[in-house]
Each structure stands twice: as structure tokens, then as C-alpha cells.
C-alpha atoms as a PDB file:
ATOM      1  CA  MET A   1       3.415 -21.685   0.099  1.00  0.00           C
ATOM      2  CA  ALA A   2      -0.348 -22.390  -1.000  1.00  0.00           C
ATOM      3  CA  ALA A   3      -2.245 -24.332   1.698  1.00  0.00           C
ATOM      4  CA  LYS A   4      -2.727 -28.253   1.598  1.00  0.00           C
ATOM      5  CA  PRO A   5      -6.037 -29.195   0.473  1.00  0.00           C
ATOM      6  CA  VAL A   6      -8.327 -30.517   3.428  1.00  0.00           C
ATOM      7  CA  PHE A   7     -11.619 -32.378   3.300  1.00  0.00           C
ATOM      8  CA  LEU A   8     -14.480 -30.041   3.611  1.00  0.00           C
ATOM      9  CA  TYR A   9     -17.860 -31.541   5.207  1.00  0.00           C
ATOM     10  CA  GLY A  10     -21.282 -30.376   5.887  1.00  0.00           C
ATOM     11  CA  PHE A  11     -24.032 -28.695   3.890  1.00  0.00           C
ATOM     12  CA  HIS A  12     -23.430 -25.201   4.816  1.00  0.00           C
ATOM     13  CA  ALA A  13     -19.723 -25.194   5.345  1.00  0.00           C
ATOM     14  CA  VAL A  14     -19.561 -26.535   1.679  1.00  0.00           C
ATOM     15  CA  LEU A  15     -22.512 -24.070   0.356  1.00  0.00           C
ATOM     16  CA  ALA A  16     -20.037 -20.972   2.002  1.00  0.00           C
ATOM     17  CA  ALA A  17     -17.282 -22.302   0.280  1.00  0.00           C
ATOM     18  CA  ALA A  18     -19.161 -22.640  -2.947  1.00  0.00           C
ATOM     19  CA  GLU A  19     -20.437 -18.706  -2.410  1.00  0.00           C
ATOM     20  CA  VAL A  20     -17.391 -17.215  -1.255  1.00  0.00           C
ATOM     21  CA  HIS A  21     -14.057 -19.248  -2.728  1.00  0.00           C
ATOM     22  CA  PRO A  22     -15.500 -21.358  -5.099  1.00  0.00           C
ATOM     23  CA  GLU A  23     -11.932 -21.575  -7.010  1.00  0.00           C
ATOM     24  CA  ARG A  24     -10.827 -23.173  -3.959  1.00  0.00           C
ATOM     25  CA  LEU A  25     -13.084 -26.090  -4.213  1.00  0.00           C
ATOM     26  CA  LEU A  26     -11.236 -28.842  -6.300  1.00  0.00           C
ATOM     27  CA  GLU A  27     -13.908 -31.643  -5.777  1.00  0.00           C
ATOM     28  CA  VAL A  28     -17.102 -31.999  -4.579  1.00  0.00           C
ATOM     29  CA  TRP A  29     -18.962 -35.292  -3.374  1.00  0.00           C
ATOM     30  CA  VAL A  30     -22.471 -35.860  -2.853  1.00  0.00           C
ATOM     31  CA  GLU A  31     -24.514 -38.538  -1.486  1.00  0.00           C
ATOM     32  CA  ARG A  32     -26.037 -40.383  -3.986  1.00  0.00           C
ATOM     33  CA  GLY A  33     -29.552 -40.941  -3.876  1.00  0.00           C
ATOM     34  CA  ARG A  34     -30.007 -37.555  -2.084  1.00  0.00           C
ATOM     35  CA  HIS A  35     -32.639 -35.169  -4.199  1.00  0.00           C
ATOM     36  CA  ASP A  36     -33.773 -33.120  -1.561  1.00  0.00           C
ATOM     37  CA  ALA A  37     -34.547 -28.803  -2.054  1.00  0.00           C
ATOM     38  CA  ARG A  38     -31.211 -27.810  -0.036  1.00  0.00           C
ATOM     39  CA  THR A  39     -29.025 -30.449  -2.038  1.00  0.00           C
ATOM     40  CA  ALA A  40     -30.087 -28.983  -5.321  1.00  0.00           C
ATOM     41  CA  ALA A  41     -29.462 -25.527  -4.564  1.00  0.00           C
ATOM     42  CA  LEU A  42     -26.070 -26.433  -3.792  1.00  0.00           C
ATOM     43  CA  LEU A  43     -25.676 -28.426  -6.891  1.00  0.00           C
ATOM     44  CA  GLU A  44     -27.382 -25.515  -8.651  1.00  0.00           C
ATOM     45  CA  ARG A  45     -24.575 -23.453  -6.985  1.00  0.00           C
ATOM     46  CA  LEU A  46     -21.641 -25.449  -7.824  1.00  0.00           C
ATOM     47  CA  ALA A  47     -22.534 -25.851 -11.363  1.00  0.00           C
ATOM     48  CA  SER A  48     -22.653 -22.351 -11.773  1.00  0.00           C
ATOM     49  CA  ALA A  49     -19.260 -22.033 -10.330  1.00  0.00           C
ATOM     50  CA  GLY A  50     -17.782 -24.825 -12.870  1.00  0.00           C
ATOM     51  CA  VAL A  51     -16.980 -27.045  -9.625  1.00  0.00           C
ATOM     52  CA  ARG A  52     -17.198 -31.013 -10.590  1.00  0.00           C
ATOM     53  CA  VAL A  53     -19.815 -32.501  -8.295  1.00  0.00           C
ATOM     54  CA  GLN A  54     -19.568 -36.302  -7.968  1.00  0.00           C
ATOM     55  CA  ARG A  55     -22.307 -38.673  -6.280  1.00  0.00           C
ATOM     56  CA  ALA A  56     -20.692 -40.914  -3.746  1.00  0.00           C
ATOM     57  CA  GLU A  57     -22.384 -43.763  -1.384  1.00  0.00           C
ATOM     58  CA  ALA A  58     -22.632 -42.455   2.564  1.00  0.00           C
ATOM     59  CA  ALA A  59     -19.621 -44.840   3.658  1.00  0.00           C
ATOM     60  CA  ALA A  60     -17.268 -43.276   1.545  1.00  0.00           C
ATOM     61  CA  LEU A  61     -18.345 -39.662   2.549  1.00  0.00           C
ATOM     62  CA  GLU A  62     -17.541 -40.775   5.993  1.00  0.00           C
ATOM     63  CA  ARG A  63     -14.256 -42.057   4.865  1.00  0.00           C
ATOM     64  CA  LYS A  64     -13.587 -38.811   3.239  1.00  0.00           C
ATOM     65  CA  ALA A  65     -14.765 -36.566   6.178  1.00  0.00           C
ATOM     66  CA  GLY A  66     -13.454 -38.895   9.207  1.00  0.00           C
ATOM     67  CA  SER A  67     -16.744 -38.274  10.290  1.00  0.00           C
ATOM     68  CA  ALA A  68     -20.482 -39.415  10.015  1.00  0.00           C
ATOM     69  CA  HIS A  69     -21.664 -36.038  10.622  1.00  0.00           C
ATOM     70  CA  HIS A  70     -20.895 -35.125   6.509  1.00  0.00           C
ATOM     71  CA  GLN A  71     -24.682 -34.446   6.016  1.00  0.00           C
ATOM     72  CA  GLY A  72     -24.789 -35.886   2.543  1.00  0.00           C
ATOM     73  CA  VAL A  73     -21.809 -33.309   1.164  1.00  0.00           C
ATOM     74  CA  VAL A  74     -17.716 -33.958   1.491  1.00  0.00           C
ATOM     75  CA  ALA A  75     -15.399 -31.477  -0.613  1.00  0.00           C
ATOM     76  CA  ARG A  76     -11.949 -31.039  -1.597  1.00  0.00           C
ATOM     77  CA  TYR A  77     -10.886 -27.609  -0.748  1.00  0.00           C
ATOM     78  CA  ARG A  78      -7.281 -25.696  -0.544  1.00  0.00           C
ATOM     79  CA  PRO A  79      -7.962 -23.142   1.928  1.00  0.00           C
ATOM     80  CA  PRO A  80      -6.759 -19.449   2.141  1.00  0.00           C
ATOM     81  CA  PRO A  81      -3.799 -18.784   4.292  1.00  0.00           C
ATOM     82  CA  PRO A  82      -4.609 -17.008   7.698  1.00  0.00           C
ATOM     83  CA  LEU A  83      -4.549 -13.684   8.011  1.00  0.00           C
ATOM     84  CA  GLY A  84      -1.812 -12.303  10.485  1.00  0.00           C
ATOM     85  CA  LEU A  85      -0.725  -9.413  13.092  1.00  0.00           C
ATOM     86  CA  GLY A  86      -0.041  -7.392  10.028  1.00  0.00           C
ATOM     87  CA  ASP A  87      -3.809  -7.644   8.920  1.00  0.00           C
ATOM     88  CA  LEU A  88      -5.444  -6.019  12.078  1.00  0.00           C
ATOM     89  CA  ASP A  89      -4.687  -2.447  11.052  1.00  0.00           C
ATOM     90  CA  GLY A  90      -7.593  -2.611   7.694  1.00  0.00           C
ATOM     91  CA  LEU A  91      -9.508  -4.761   9.536  1.00  0.00           C
ATOM     92  CA  ALA A  92      -9.907  -2.194  12.481  1.00  0.00           C
ATOM     93  CA  ALA A  93     -10.294   0.870  10.507  1.00  0.00           C
ATOM     94  CA  PRO A  94     -13.031   2.543  11.156  1.00  0.00           C
ATOM     95  CA  ARG A  95     -16.118   1.885   8.956  1.00  0.00           C
ATOM     96  CA  GLU A  96     -19.287   4.109   8.769  1.00  0.00           C
ATOM     97  CA  ASP A  97     -21.636   1.355   9.403  1.00  0.00           C
ATOM     98  CA  THR A  98     -21.101   0.125  12.994  1.00  0.00           C
ATOM     99  CA  PRO A  99     -17.678   0.326  15.354  1.00  0.00           C
ATOM    100  CA  ALA A 100     -15.060  -2.818  15.574  1.00  0.00           C
ATOM    101  CA  LEU A 101     -15.785  -5.714  17.062  1.00  0.00           C
ATOM    102  CA  PHE A 102     -13.357  -8.660  17.394  1.00  0.00           C
ATOM    103  CA  LEU A 103     -13.474 -11.918  19.340  1.00  0.00           C
ATOM    104  CA  ALA A 104     -10.130 -13.463  20.807  1.00  0.00           C
ATOM    105  CA  LEU A 105      -9.773 -16.444  22.025  1.00  0.00           C
ATOM    106  CA  ASP A 106      -6.657 -17.596  24.527  1.00  0.00           C
ATOM    107  CA  GLY A 107      -5.652 -21.134  25.224  1.00  0.00           C
ATOM    108  CA  VAL A 108      -9.193 -22.998  23.669  1.00  0.00           C
ATOM    109  CA  THR A 109      -8.030 -25.990  22.323  1.00  0.00           C
ATOM    110  CA  ASP A 110     -11.069 -27.791  21.158  1.00  0.00           C
ATOM    111  CA  PRO A 111     -12.277 -27.389  17.567  1.00  0.00           C
ATOM    112  CA  HIS A 112     -15.681 -27.640  17.943  1.00  0.00           C
ATOM    113  CA  ASN A 113     -15.400 -24.580  20.166  1.00  0.00           C
ATOM    114  CA  LEU A 114     -13.608 -22.878  18.006  1.00  0.00           C
ATOM    115  CA  GLY A 115     -15.806 -23.248  15.305  1.00  0.00           C
ATOM    116  CA  ALA A 116     -18.942 -22.183  17.448  1.00  0.00           C
ATOM    117  CA  CYS A 117     -16.961 -19.155  18.555  1.00  0.00           C
ATOM    118  CA  MET A 118     -16.495 -18.502  14.908  1.00  0.00           C
ATOM    119  CA  ARG A 119     -20.189 -18.882  14.294  1.00  0.00           C
ATOM    120  CA  THR A 120     -21.673 -16.599  16.496  1.00  0.00           C
ATOM    121  CA  ALA A 121     -18.920 -14.028  16.002  1.00  0.00           C
ATOM    122  CA  HIS A 122     -19.881 -14.015  12.209  1.00  0.00           C
ATOM    123  CA  ALA A 123     -23.991 -13.835  13.483  1.00  0.00           C
ATOM    124  CA  ALA A 124     -23.029 -10.836  15.567  1.00  0.00           C
ATOM    125  CA  GLY A 125     -21.167  -8.945  13.169  1.00  0.00           C
ATOM    126  CA  ALA A 126     -17.748  -9.527  14.315  1.00  0.00           C
ATOM    127  CA  ARG A 127     -14.798  -8.581  12.080  1.00  0.00           C
ATOM    128  CA  ALA A 128     -12.585 -11.126  12.668  1.00  0.00           C
ATOM    129  CA  VAL A 129     -11.336 -13.820  15.786  1.00  0.00           C
ATOM    130  CA  VAL A 130      -7.869 -13.379  16.853  1.00  0.00           C
ATOM    131  CA  VAL A 131      -5.826 -16.657  18.267  1.00  0.00           C
ATOM    132  CA  PRO A 132      -2.718 -17.625  19.134  1.00  0.00           C
ATOM    133  CA  LYS A 133      -0.267 -19.642  16.952  1.00  0.00           C
ATOM    134  CA  ASP A 134       0.661 -21.983  19.989  1.00  0.00           C
ATOM    135  CA  ARG A 135      -1.970 -23.475  22.573  1.00  0.00           C
ATOM    136  CA  ALA A 136      -4.682 -22.864  20.276  1.00  0.00           C
ATOM    137  CA  ALA A 137      -7.161 -25.106  18.295  1.00  0.00           C
ATOM    138  CA  PRO A 138      -6.400 -25.012  14.489  1.00  0.00           C
ATOM    139  CA  LEU A 139      -9.202 -24.581  11.774  1.00  0.00           C
ATOM    140  CA  THR A 140      -9.802 -28.533  11.165  1.00  0.00           C
ATOM    141  CA  PRO A 141     -12.812 -29.551   9.067  1.00  0.00           C
ATOM    142  CA  ALA A 142     -14.398 -30.603  12.066  1.00  0.00           C
ATOM    143  CA  ALA A 143     -14.237 -26.757  13.187  1.00  0.00           C
ATOM    144  CA  ARG A 144     -15.172 -25.445  10.255  1.00  0.00           C
ATOM    145  CA  LYS A 145     -18.090 -28.171  10.306  1.00  0.00           C
ATOM    146  CA  ALA A 146     -19.119 -26.430  14.185  1.00  0.00           C
ATOM    147  CA  ALA A 147     -18.799 -23.181  12.803  1.00  0.00           C
ATOM    148  CA  SER A 148     -21.576 -23.472   9.391  1.00  0.00           C
ATOM    149  CA  GLY A 149     -20.101 -21.704   7.175  1.00  0.00           C
ATOM    150  CA  ALA A 150     -18.579 -19.116   9.044  1.00  0.00           C
ATOM    151  CA  ALA A 151     -15.217 -20.218   8.980  1.00  0.00           C
ATOM    152  CA  GLU A 152     -15.371 -19.558   5.112  1.00  0.00           C
ATOM    153  CA  ARG A 153     -16.778 -15.717   5.466  1.00  0.00           C
ATOM    154  CA  LEU A 154     -15.051 -14.393   8.625  1.00  0.00           C
ATOM    155  CA  PRO A 155     -11.498 -13.842   9.104  1.00  0.00           C
ATOM    156  CA  LEU A 156      -9.061 -15.605  11.354  1.00  0.00           C
ATOM    157  CA  VAL A 157      -6.165 -13.790  12.529  1.00  0.00           C
ATOM    158  CA  VAL A 158      -3.331 -16.437  13.741  1.00  0.00           C
ATOM    159  CA  VAL A 159      -0.807 -14.039  15.784  1.00  0.00           C
ATOM    160  CA  PRO A 160       2.530 -15.100  17.267  1.00  0.00           C
ATOM    161  CA  ASN A 161       1.608 -13.477  20.734  1.00  0.00           C
ATOM    162  CA  LEU A 162      -1.958 -12.827  21.708  1.00  0.00           C
ATOM    163  CA  GLY A 163      -0.504  -9.870  24.313  1.00  0.00           C
ATOM    164  CA  GLN A 164       1.124  -8.294  21.122  1.00  0.00           C
ATOM    165  CA  ALA A 165      -1.988  -8.382  19.154  1.00  0.00           C
ATOM    166  CA  LEU A 166      -4.251  -6.955  21.648  1.00  0.00           C
ATOM    167  CA  GLU A 167      -1.654  -3.925  21.964  1.00  0.00           C
ATOM    168  CA  ARG A 168      -1.617  -3.285  18.841  1.00  0.00           C
ATOM    169  CA  LEU A 169      -5.590  -3.232  18.671  1.00  0.00           C
ATOM    170  CA  LYS A 170      -5.196  -0.680  21.701  1.00  0.00           C
ATOM    171  CA  ARG A 171      -3.336   1.477  19.415  1.00  0.00           C
ATOM    172  CA  LEU A 172      -5.880   1.109  16.551  1.00  0.00           C
ATOM    173  CA  GLU A 173      -8.315   2.943  19.434  1.00  0.00           C
ATOM    174  CA  LEU A 174     -10.163  -0.274  20.573  1.00  0.00           C
ATOM    175  CA  TRP A 175     -11.107  -1.092  24.294  1.00  0.00           C
ATOM    176  CA  VAL A 176      -9.835  -4.660  25.336  1.00  0.00           C
ATOM    177  CA  TRP A 177     -12.148  -6.387  27.476  1.00  0.00           C
ATOM    178  CA  GLY A 178     -11.233  -9.406  28.944  1.00  0.00           C
ATOM    179  CA  LEU A 179     -13.974 -11.651  30.527  1.00  0.00           C
ATOM    180  CA  ALA A 180     -13.323 -13.490  33.778  1.00  0.00           C
ATOM    181  CA  GLY A 181     -15.588 -14.874  36.751  1.00  0.00           C
ATOM    182  CA  GLU A 182     -13.633 -12.297  39.041  1.00  0.00           C
ATOM    183  CA  GLY A 183     -13.799  -9.543  36.825  1.00  0.00           C
ATOM    184  CA  THR A 184     -14.640  -6.287  38.545  1.00  0.00           C
ATOM    185  CA  GLN A 185     -17.522  -4.887  36.140  1.00  0.00           C
ATOM    186  CA  VAL A 186     -20.625  -6.270  35.080  1.00  0.00           C
ATOM    187  CA  LEU A 187     -20.751  -7.440  31.578  1.00  0.00           C
ATOM    188  CA  TYR A 188     -23.765  -5.365  30.901  1.00  0.00           C
ATOM    189  CA  ASP A 189     -22.201  -2.165  32.880  1.00  0.00           C
ATOM    190  CA  ALA A 190     -19.349  -2.107  30.097  1.00  0.00           C
ATOM    191  CA  PRO A 191     -19.331   0.553  27.386  1.00  0.00           C
ATOM    192  CA  LEU A 192     -19.282  -2.258  24.333  1.00  0.00           C
ATOM    193  CA  SER A 193     -20.867   0.348  22.157  1.00  0.00           C
ATOM    194  CA  ARG A 194     -17.318   1.846  21.527  1.00  0.00           C
ATOM    195  CA  PRO A 195     -14.948  -0.419  19.091  1.00  0.00           C
ATOM    196  CA  CYS A 196     -13.929  -2.769  20.980  1.00  0.00           C
ATOM    197  CA  THR A 197     -12.303  -6.367  21.518  1.00  0.00           C
ATOM    198  CA  LEU A 198     -13.565  -9.342  23.657  1.00  0.00           C
ATOM    199  CA  VAL A 199     -11.025 -11.393  24.738  1.00  0.00           C
ATOM    200  CA  LEU A 200     -11.854 -14.831  26.477  1.00  0.00           C
ATOM    201  CA  GLY A 201     -10.252 -18.044  27.800  1.00  0.00           C
ATOM    202  CA  ALA A 202     -11.183 -21.817  27.763  1.00  0.00           C
ATOM    203  CA  GLU A 203     -13.336 -23.215  30.505  1.00  0.00           C
ATOM    204  CA  GLY A 204     -11.582 -23.981  33.791  1.00  0.00           C
ATOM    205  CA  ARG A 205      -8.545 -22.146  32.911  1.00  0.00           C
ATOM    206  CA  GLY A 206      -9.682 -18.831  31.837  1.00  0.00           C
ATOM    207  CA  LEU A 207      -7.315 -16.049  30.471  1.00  0.00           C
ATOM    208  CA  ARG A 208      -3.682 -16.636  31.271  1.00  0.00           C
ATOM    209  CA  ARG A 209      -2.144 -13.975  33.819  1.00  0.00           C
ATOM    210  CA  ILE A 210      -0.157 -12.124  30.776  1.00  0.00           C
ATOM    211  CA  VAL A 211      -3.184 -12.178  28.592  1.00  0.00           C
ATOM    212  CA  ARG A 212      -5.143 -10.285  31.518  1.00  0.00           C
ATOM    213  CA  GLN A 213      -2.347  -7.409  31.688  1.00  0.00           C
ATOM    214  CA  HIS A 214      -3.323  -6.783  28.292  1.00  0.00           C
ATOM    215  CA  CYS A 215      -6.778  -5.940  28.943  1.00  0.00           C
ATOM    216  CA  ASP A 216      -8.480  -2.769  29.631  1.00  0.00           C
ATOM    217  CA  GLY A 217     -10.623  -4.680  31.974  1.00  0.00           C
ATOM    218  CA  LEU A 218     -11.563  -7.573  33.786  1.00  0.00           C
ATOM    219  CA  LEU A 219     -15.952  -8.286  32.870  1.00  0.00           C
ATOM    220  CA  ARG A 220     -18.091 -10.697  34.704  1.00  0.00           C
ATOM    221  CA  ILE A 221     -21.147 -12.528  33.168  1.00  0.00           C
ATOM    222  CA  PRO A 222     -23.748 -12.552  36.277  1.00  0.00           C
ATOM    223  CA  MET A 223     -25.118 -15.724  37.154  1.00  0.00           C
ATOM    224  CA  ALA A 224     -27.282 -17.523  39.751  1.00  0.00           C
ATOM    225  CA  PRO A 225     -25.426 -18.912  42.778  1.00  0.00           C
ATOM    226  CA  GLY A 226     -23.814 -22.187  42.649  1.00  0.00           C
ATOM    227  CA  ALA A 227     -23.628 -21.640  38.591  1.00  0.00           C
ATOM    228  CA  GLU A 228     -20.358 -23.112  36.966  1.00  0.00           C
ATOM    229  CA  SER A 229     -18.865 -21.200  34.302  1.00  0.00           C
ATOM    230  CA  LEU A 230     -20.225 -21.113  30.703  1.00  0.00           C
ATOM    231  CA  ASN A 231     -19.116 -23.062  27.947  1.00  0.00           C
ATOM    232  CA  VAL A 232     -16.432 -20.480  26.382  1.00  0.00           C
ATOM    233  CA  SER A 233     -18.936 -20.557  22.595  1.00  0.00           C
ATOM    234  CA  VAL A 234     -21.559 -19.827  25.490  1.00  0.00           C
ATOM    235  CA  ALA A 235     -19.927 -17.074  26.825  1.00  0.00           C
ATOM    236  CA  ALA A 236     -18.848 -15.673  23.567  1.00  0.00           C
ATOM    237  CA  GLY A 237     -22.510 -15.623  22.532  1.00  0.00           C
ATOM    238  CA  VAL A 238     -23.576 -13.629  25.703  1.00  0.00           C
ATOM    239  CA  ALA A 239     -20.938 -10.870  25.292  1.00  0.00           C
ATOM    240  CA  LEU A 240     -20.991 -10.255  22.065  1.00  0.00           C
ATOM    241  CA  PHE A 241     -24.309 -10.207  21.683  1.00  0.00           C
ATOM    242  CA  GLU A 242     -24.984  -7.710  24.792  1.00  0.00           C
ATOM    243  CA  ALA A 243     -22.490  -5.432  22.027  1.00  0.00           C
ATOM    244  CA  VAL A 244     -24.870  -6.116  19.516  1.00  0.00           C
ATOM    245  CA  ARG A 245     -27.682  -4.833  21.830  1.00  0.00           C
ATOM    246  CA  GLN A 246     -25.992  -1.623  23.164  1.00  0.00           C
ATOM    247  CA  ARG A 247     -24.720  -0.819  19.357  1.00  0.00           C
ATOM    248  CA  ARG A 248     -28.534  -1.184  18.343  1.00  0.00           C
ATOM    249  CA  LYS A 249     -29.843   1.215  21.327  1.00  0.00           C
ATOM    250  CA  ALA A 250     -26.812   3.982  20.627  1.00  0.00           C
ATOM    251  CA  ARG A 251     -28.245   4.405  16.964  1.00  0.00           C
END
């Protein structure tokens, strides 16, 4: 069944959709009177893809987006269906360029955190973000805006059971590392240059016990005494780019 159209907003999100899935852009509205260089570049890209563009007042764009943070562009977009458990095999297949890297999120229910994590994962070269179907933020327009184009470029794998997905990744020869404040190993000492999945939980609750049982080990990010836990998207950035650092060093 085809996904229902959604309103996509924000310059980078709409530009990414125009570059990756122009056939899924049904309509685009650009703020009337906006003629800056990046808007001109976006309009050129949309025109080359044959996408219909209309001008609209800022208030109309805000109504369509449901947000004042539309950056002067809103699109009606039919998103591709999310990937599922069976797609992990292809995504994790060995490649010559770099070892596989995945980010899995357990209990992250804030769409802005999901979007920020996807943006960071894409920047770090991760192959996908894996989330459970239940007790997780959906990929809403707000999440896509926070992802700044990454949601259109990076696969989101939605699975019925996160533990089952982690076991599948382990069978595909990926290490599975959970991040927790009480982890027995410091993040920087873990062998992240190998194919691996980094698993993060929501702030406060952290990783569920059942998800921890599927991890090969728990890692902690060393912090100054008295410091609170990091926001999940910040922690994801620290962990993912430590993997990037180790992989560059191992070349």
C-alpha cells in the first residue's frame, strides 16, 4: 500500500527530496517574494525534475506545515515505505569502502531527537538507523525537518522487535554495542573500526533490560564528575564519530 502524502517543510528536506525522490514530490510551495540564491537553486532543481511550484504567502506555508519554521518552502510529498527486518541483510553486506555502521534507537519517542540522530548518522556514514515499530518516534514532518535532508537520503529500518533485529545484525557479523552510563568499557577503548551497531536509549530511561541482553557489551562516554547524561542525539554523535575516527586511523 502506498504511503499517504505528508507535508514536508524546510529547505534541506525539500532539496533532498528533489535530489533523491523527485517523482514523490506532488506539489511545492515557495514563499512569495523570496528570491535569495539558495531558493533560486532549489527552483532550478525542481524545474529540471518537472515538479510543479507555486508561490504562497508565509502564513499559508505555516498552515500547511503546521510550523513557523518552514524556511520559505513546503512540499506535499509521498514518502517511500520504510524498510523492514528483511532489508538488513542487503544493507549490512560487506563493501570495499568501509565496514558497516548502524545506529539503533531504543525508546526514542521525540521526533526531533529522531531527526537529529538521522542527521548525525548520515554525516558519519552509517548505513541505516534502526527503530522499533512501537514505543518510538515516527518519521513525522518535524523529524524530517530536524534531519535536514538526511531522512530522504538515509534508510530508516522499522522492525517489530528491536532485539530480533540486533540478533540478525550479529548473525551478519556485526558487533552490537549498547551505550549506558554504567557501561563496563569506555567508548574510546572499544574496537569500533569493525562492522558494528551502536544502540542508544532515550534520556532518563536508557536502554531497556531486554535490549541490553542482545548487546555484546555496554560502553560508557566518560564525563566530568556530576555531569548529567547527554541528549541522545549528542551521545549518538560522540559514539558515531568515534567510530569514524577509529576507521580513518585503521586505513
